[in-house]
Amino acid sequence: MLIVQVFVHVVPEHVDAFIAASEANARASREEPGVVRFDLLREEGSADRFVLLEIYRTDEDPARHKETAHYAAWKTAVEPWMASPRKSVKYRAVDPADPSAWKSA
């Protein structure tokens, strides 16, 4: 399992459009066979800061995700709306370490 958090700061006037585009991308991403979870989160108390929480089955699955049409459309749409470049951090599960214990949503 590879867990990725993508931190995004959006220009305030584009927040609604960012949410709409990101919801569409998240829904499509959840249909990918290598995706366990793909969540859009908004920072509490900050309307223009978001986190994408992405959980993949294998190390190769993020690259496959980035080859999809829905990811390409999302990236093209949202990049101009970002107040700063997005940043990602990768994690490995400690507990539960066994991927069979993870449930998809």
N, C-alpha and C. Protein backbone atom coordinates (compact mmCIF):
# COMPACT_ATOMS: atom_id res chain seq x y z
N MET A 1 0.84 -1.18 0.00
CA MET A 1 0.00 0.00 0.00
C MET A 1 0.88 1.23 0.00
N LEU A 2 0.52 2.16 -0.84
CA LEU A 2 1.18 3.47 -0.87
C LEU A 2 0.11 4.51 -0.59
N ILE A 3 0.37 5.34 0.39
CA ILE A 3 -0.56 6.39 0.78
C ILE A 3 0.06 7.72 0.42
N VAL A 4 -0.71 8.57 -0.26
CA VAL A 4 -0.21 9.87 -0.70
C VAL A 4 -1.17 10.94 -0.21
N GLN A 5 -0.61 11.97 0.40
CA GLN A 5 -1.39 13.17 0.72
C GLN A 5 -0.89 14.27 -0.20
N VAL A 6 -1.82 14.89 -0.90
CA VAL A 6 -1.49 16.00 -1.79
C VAL A 6 -2.11 17.26 -1.17
N PHE A 7 -1.26 18.23 -0.86
CA PHE A 7 -1.69 19.46 -0.21
C PHE A 7 -1.87 20.53 -1.29
N VAL A 8 -3.05 21.16 -1.30
CA VAL A 8 -3.38 22.13 -2.34
C VAL A 8 -3.91 23.41 -1.70
N HIS A 9 -3.37 24.53 -2.13
CA HIS A 9 -3.84 25.86 -1.71
C HIS A 9 -4.43 26.51 -2.95
N VAL A 10 -5.71 26.82 -2.90
CA VAL A 10 -6.46 27.31 -4.06
C VAL A 10 -6.69 28.81 -3.95
N VAL A 11 -6.60 29.52 -5.06
CA VAL A 11 -6.96 30.93 -5.10
C VAL A 11 -8.44 31.03 -4.71
N PRO A 12 -8.78 31.89 -3.75
CA PRO A 12 -10.14 31.90 -3.19
C PRO A 12 -11.27 31.98 -4.22
N GLU A 13 -11.11 32.76 -5.27
CA GLU A 13 -12.22 32.89 -6.23
C GLU A 13 -12.43 31.63 -7.09
N HIS A 14 -11.53 30.66 -6.98
CA HIS A 14 -11.66 29.43 -7.77
C HIS A 14 -12.00 28.20 -6.92
N VAL A 15 -12.30 28.41 -5.64
CA VAL A 15 -12.56 27.29 -4.75
C VAL A 15 -13.72 26.43 -5.23
N ASP A 16 -14.84 27.02 -5.61
CA ASP A 16 -16.00 26.23 -6.03
C ASP A 16 -15.69 25.40 -7.28
N ALA A 17 -15.00 26.00 -8.23
CA ALA A 17 -14.63 25.27 -9.44
C ALA A 17 -13.63 24.16 -9.12
N PHE A 18 -12.70 24.44 -8.22
CA PHE A 18 -11.73 23.42 -7.80
C PHE A 18 -12.44 22.23 -7.17
N ILE A 19 -13.39 22.52 -6.29
CA ILE A 19 -14.13 21.44 -5.64
C ILE A 19 -14.88 20.60 -6.67
N ALA A 20 -15.55 21.24 -7.60
CA ALA A 20 -16.31 20.50 -8.62
C ALA A 20 -15.39 19.62 -9.46
N ALA A 21 -14.27 20.17 -9.91
CA ALA A 21 -13.33 19.39 -10.72
C ALA A 21 -12.71 18.25 -9.90
N SER A 22 -12.41 18.52 -8.65
CA SER A 22 -11.77 17.51 -7.80
C SER A 22 -12.73 16.41 -7.41
N GLU A 23 -14.00 16.75 -7.20
CA GLU A 23 -14.99 15.72 -6.91
C GLU A 23 -15.14 14.77 -8.11
N ALA A 24 -15.18 15.33 -9.31
CA ALA A 24 -15.30 14.50 -10.52
C ALA A 24 -14.08 13.59 -10.66
N ASN A 25 -12.89 14.14 -10.42
CA ASN A 25 -11.67 13.34 -10.50
C ASN A 25 -11.67 12.25 -9.43
N ALA A 26 -12.08 12.58 -8.22
CA ALA A 26 -12.09 11.60 -7.13
C ALA A 26 -13.05 10.46 -7.44
N ARG A 27 -14.24 10.79 -7.92
CA ARG A 27 -15.23 9.74 -8.25
C ARG A 27 -14.66 8.80 -9.31
N ALA A 28 -14.07 9.35 -10.36
CA ALA A 28 -13.51 8.52 -11.42
C ALA A 28 -12.31 7.72 -10.91
N SER A 29 -11.51 8.33 -10.06
CA SER A 29 -10.33 7.66 -9.52
C SER A 29 -10.71 6.45 -8.68
N ARG A 30 -11.80 6.55 -7.94
CA ARG A 30 -12.25 5.43 -7.11
C ARG A 30 -12.63 4.20 -7.92
N GLU A 31 -12.86 4.39 -9.21
CA GLU A 31 -13.20 3.27 -10.10
C GLU A 31 -11.96 2.56 -10.63
N GLU A 32 -10.79 3.14 -10.44
CA GLU A 32 -9.56 2.51 -10.91
C GLU A 32 -9.25 1.27 -10.06
N PRO A 33 -8.81 0.19 -10.69
CA PRO A 33 -8.56 -1.04 -9.93
C PRO A 33 -7.45 -0.90 -8.88
N GLY A 34 -6.50 -0.02 -9.07
CA GLY A 34 -5.40 0.13 -8.13
C GLY A 34 -5.65 1.11 -7.01
N VAL A 35 -6.83 1.72 -6.99
CA VAL A 35 -7.14 2.73 -5.97
C VAL A 35 -7.97 2.09 -4.85
N VAL A 36 -7.48 2.23 -3.62
CA VAL A 36 -8.22 1.76 -2.45
C VAL A 36 -9.12 2.87 -1.94
N ARG A 37 -8.58 4.09 -1.84
CA ARG A 37 -9.34 5.28 -1.41
C ARG A 37 -8.84 6.47 -2.19
N PHE A 38 -9.74 7.42 -2.39
CA PHE A 38 -9.38 8.68 -3.02
C PHE A 38 -10.35 9.73 -2.48
N ASP A 39 -9.88 10.49 -1.50
CA ASP A 39 -10.75 11.41 -0.77
C ASP A 39 -10.32 12.86 -0.97
N LEU A 40 -11.28 13.74 -1.03
CA LEU A 40 -11.05 15.19 -1.07
C LEU A 40 -11.41 15.74 0.30
N LEU A 41 -10.47 16.40 0.95
CA LEU A 41 -10.66 16.95 2.28
C LEU A 41 -10.39 18.45 2.26
N ARG A 42 -11.18 19.20 3.04
CA ARG A 42 -10.95 20.65 3.18
C ARG A 42 -10.44 20.91 4.59
N GLU A 43 -9.42 21.74 4.68
CA GLU A 43 -8.84 22.07 5.98
C GLU A 43 -9.87 22.82 6.83
N GLU A 44 -10.03 22.40 8.05
CA GLU A 44 -10.94 23.05 8.98
C GLU A 44 -10.50 24.49 9.21
N GLY A 45 -11.43 25.43 9.02
CA GLY A 45 -11.13 26.84 9.27
C GLY A 45 -10.38 27.54 8.14
N SER A 46 -10.19 26.86 7.02
CA SER A 46 -9.48 27.46 5.89
C SER A 46 -10.16 27.01 4.60
N ALA A 47 -11.00 27.85 4.05
CA ALA A 47 -11.84 27.48 2.91
C ALA A 47 -11.06 27.20 1.63
N ASP A 48 -9.80 27.63 1.57
CA ASP A 48 -9.05 27.50 0.32
C ASP A 48 -7.89 26.51 0.38
N ARG A 49 -7.86 25.67 1.41
CA ARG A 49 -6.79 24.67 1.55
C ARG A 49 -7.41 23.27 1.61
N PHE A 50 -6.84 22.39 0.79
CA PHE A 50 -7.38 21.05 0.62
C PHE A 50 -6.28 20.00 0.70
N VAL A 51 -6.72 18.78 0.96
CA VAL A 51 -5.84 17.62 0.90
C VAL A 51 -6.55 16.55 0.08
N LEU A 52 -5.82 15.97 -0.83
CA LEU A 52 -6.28 14.76 -1.51
C LEU A 52 -5.61 13.60 -0.80
N LEU A 53 -6.39 12.69 -0.28
CA LEU A 53 -5.86 11.50 0.37
C LEU A 53 -6.04 10.34 -0.59
N GLU A 54 -4.93 9.81 -1.06
CA GLU A 54 -4.95 8.77 -2.09
C GLU A 54 -4.27 7.53 -1.54
N ILE A 55 -4.95 6.40 -1.61
CA ILE A 55 -4.36 5.14 -1.17
C ILE A 55 -4.37 4.17 -2.35
N TYR A 56 -3.19 3.69 -2.68
CA TYR A 56 -2.99 2.81 -3.84
C TYR A 56 -2.55 1.42 -3.39
N ARG A 57 -2.92 0.43 -4.16
CA ARG A 57 -2.57 -0.95 -3.83
C ARG A 57 -1.08 -1.23 -4.03
N THR A 58 -0.49 -0.69 -5.09
CA THR A 58 0.92 -0.96 -5.40
C THR A 58 1.65 0.35 -5.69
N ASP A 59 2.96 0.27 -5.73
CA ASP A 59 3.78 1.43 -6.04
C ASP A 59 3.59 1.91 -7.48
N GLU A 60 3.11 1.04 -8.34
CA GLU A 60 2.91 1.39 -9.75
C GLU A 60 1.57 2.07 -10.00
N ASP A 61 0.64 1.92 -9.10
CA ASP A 61 -0.71 2.44 -9.33
C ASP A 61 -0.80 3.96 -9.42
N PRO A 62 0.00 4.75 -8.70
CA PRO A 62 -0.08 6.20 -8.90
C PRO A 62 0.29 6.62 -10.33
N ALA A 63 1.27 5.95 -10.92
CA ALA A 63 1.65 6.27 -12.30
C ALA A 63 0.51 5.91 -13.25
N ARG A 64 -0.16 4.80 -13.00
CA ARG A 64 -1.31 4.43 -13.83
C ARG A 64 -2.43 5.46 -13.69
N HIS A 65 -2.63 5.93 -12.46
CA HIS A 65 -3.64 6.97 -12.22
C HIS A 65 -3.33 8.21 -13.05
N LYS A 66 -2.07 8.59 -13.09
CA LYS A 66 -1.69 9.81 -13.82
C LYS A 66 -1.78 9.67 -15.33
N GLU A 67 -2.02 8.45 -15.82
CA GLU A 67 -2.20 8.21 -17.26
C GLU A 67 -3.67 8.28 -17.68
N THR A 68 -4.58 8.45 -16.72
CA THR A 68 -6.00 8.44 -17.05
C THR A 68 -6.45 9.79 -17.61
N ALA A 69 -7.52 9.73 -18.39
CA ALA A 69 -8.08 10.95 -18.97
C ALA A 69 -8.65 11.87 -17.88
N HIS A 70 -9.27 11.28 -16.85
CA HIS A 70 -9.86 12.14 -15.82
C HIS A 70 -8.78 12.88 -15.02
N TYR A 71 -7.62 12.25 -14.78
CA TYR A 71 -6.53 12.95 -14.10
C TYR A 71 -6.00 14.08 -14.98
N ALA A 72 -5.80 13.80 -16.27
CA ALA A 72 -5.29 14.84 -17.19
C ALA A 72 -6.24 16.03 -17.24
N ALA A 73 -7.54 15.76 -17.30
CA ALA A 73 -8.52 16.85 -17.32
C ALA A 73 -8.49 17.64 -16.02
N TRP A 74 -8.40 16.94 -14.89
CA TRP A 74 -8.33 17.61 -13.59
C TRP A 74 -7.09 18.49 -13.50
N LYS A 75 -5.95 17.94 -13.84
CA LYS A 75 -4.69 18.68 -13.74
C LYS A 75 -4.71 19.94 -14.61
N THR A 76 -5.17 19.80 -15.84
CA THR A 76 -5.25 20.95 -16.74
C THR A 76 -6.18 22.02 -16.19
N ALA A 77 -7.31 21.59 -15.64
CA ALA A 77 -8.29 22.54 -15.12
C ALA A 77 -7.79 23.25 -13.87
N VAL A 78 -7.25 22.51 -12.91
CA VAL A 78 -7.00 23.10 -11.59
C VAL A 78 -5.65 23.80 -11.43
N GLU A 79 -4.68 23.47 -12.24
CA GLU A 79 -3.36 24.10 -12.04
C GLU A 79 -3.40 25.62 -12.04
N PRO A 80 -4.15 26.27 -12.94
CA PRO A 80 -4.18 27.74 -12.90
C PRO A 80 -4.89 28.30 -11.67
N TRP A 81 -5.64 27.47 -10.96
CA TRP A 81 -6.39 27.93 -9.80
C TRP A 81 -5.61 27.82 -8.49
N MET A 82 -4.41 27.27 -8.55
CA MET A 82 -3.63 27.04 -7.33
C MET A 82 -2.87 28.30 -6.93
N ALA A 83 -2.95 28.62 -5.65
CA ALA A 83 -2.22 29.78 -5.12
C ALA A 83 -0.73 29.50 -5.02
N SER A 84 -0.37 28.23 -4.90
CA SER A 84 1.02 27.80 -4.87
C SER A 84 1.06 26.37 -5.41
N PRO A 85 2.24 25.91 -5.84
CA PRO A 85 2.30 24.54 -6.37
C PRO A 85 1.87 23.51 -5.32
N ARG A 86 1.15 22.50 -5.77
CA ARG A 86 0.73 21.46 -4.83
C ARG A 86 1.94 20.66 -4.37
N LYS A 87 1.82 20.10 -3.18
CA LYS A 87 2.92 19.34 -2.59
C LYS A 87 2.37 17.98 -2.17
N SER A 88 3.13 16.93 -2.42
CA SER A 88 2.68 15.61 -2.00
C SER A 88 3.69 14.98 -1.04
N VAL A 89 3.15 14.17 -0.14
CA VAL A 89 3.95 13.42 0.81
C VAL A 89 3.47 11.97 0.74
N LYS A 90 4.43 11.04 0.66
CA LYS A 90 4.11 9.62 0.55
C LYS A 90 4.33 8.94 1.89
N TYR A 91 3.48 7.95 2.17
CA TYR A 91 3.52 7.23 3.44
C TYR A 91 3.40 5.73 3.20
N ARG A 92 3.82 4.96 4.19
CA ARG A 92 3.59 3.52 4.25
C ARG A 92 2.76 3.24 5.50
N ALA A 93 1.85 2.33 5.40
CA ALA A 93 1.00 1.97 6.54
C ALA A 93 1.82 1.25 7.60
N VAL A 94 1.62 1.64 8.84
CA VAL A 94 2.24 0.98 9.97
C VAL A 94 1.23 0.02 10.62
N ASP A 95 0.02 0.52 10.84
CA ASP A 95 -1.02 -0.30 11.46
C ASP A 95 -2.37 0.12 10.91
N PRO A 96 -3.08 -0.71 10.21
CA PRO A 96 -2.72 -2.10 9.95
C PRO A 96 -1.73 -2.19 8.80
N ALA A 97 -0.73 -2.99 8.97
CA ALA A 97 0.30 -3.16 7.96
C ALA A 97 -0.15 -4.13 6.86
N ASP A 98 -1.04 -5.03 7.20
CA ASP A 98 -1.54 -6.01 6.25
C ASP A 98 -2.60 -5.36 5.36
N PRO A 99 -2.35 -5.24 4.06
CA PRO A 99 -3.32 -4.59 3.17
C PRO A 99 -4.70 -5.22 3.17
N SER A 100 -4.81 -6.48 3.54
CA SER A 100 -6.13 -7.11 3.55
C SER A 100 -7.03 -6.52 4.64
N ALA A 101 -6.43 -5.83 5.61
CA ALA A 101 -7.22 -5.20 6.68
C ALA A 101 -7.81 -3.86 6.24
N TRP A 102 -7.33 -3.33 5.13
CA TRP A 102 -7.84 -2.05 4.62
C TRP A 102 -9.15 -2.29 3.90
N LYS A 103 -10.07 -1.38 4.06
CA LYS A 103 -11.36 -1.46 3.37
C LYS A 103 -11.48 -0.29 2.42
N SER A 104 -12.03 -0.52 1.27
CA SER A 104 -12.27 0.57 0.33
C SER A 104 -13.63 1.18 0.61
N ALA A 105 -13.77 2.43 0.21
CA ALA A 105 -15.06 3.11 0.42
C ALA A 105 -15.81 3.22 -0.87
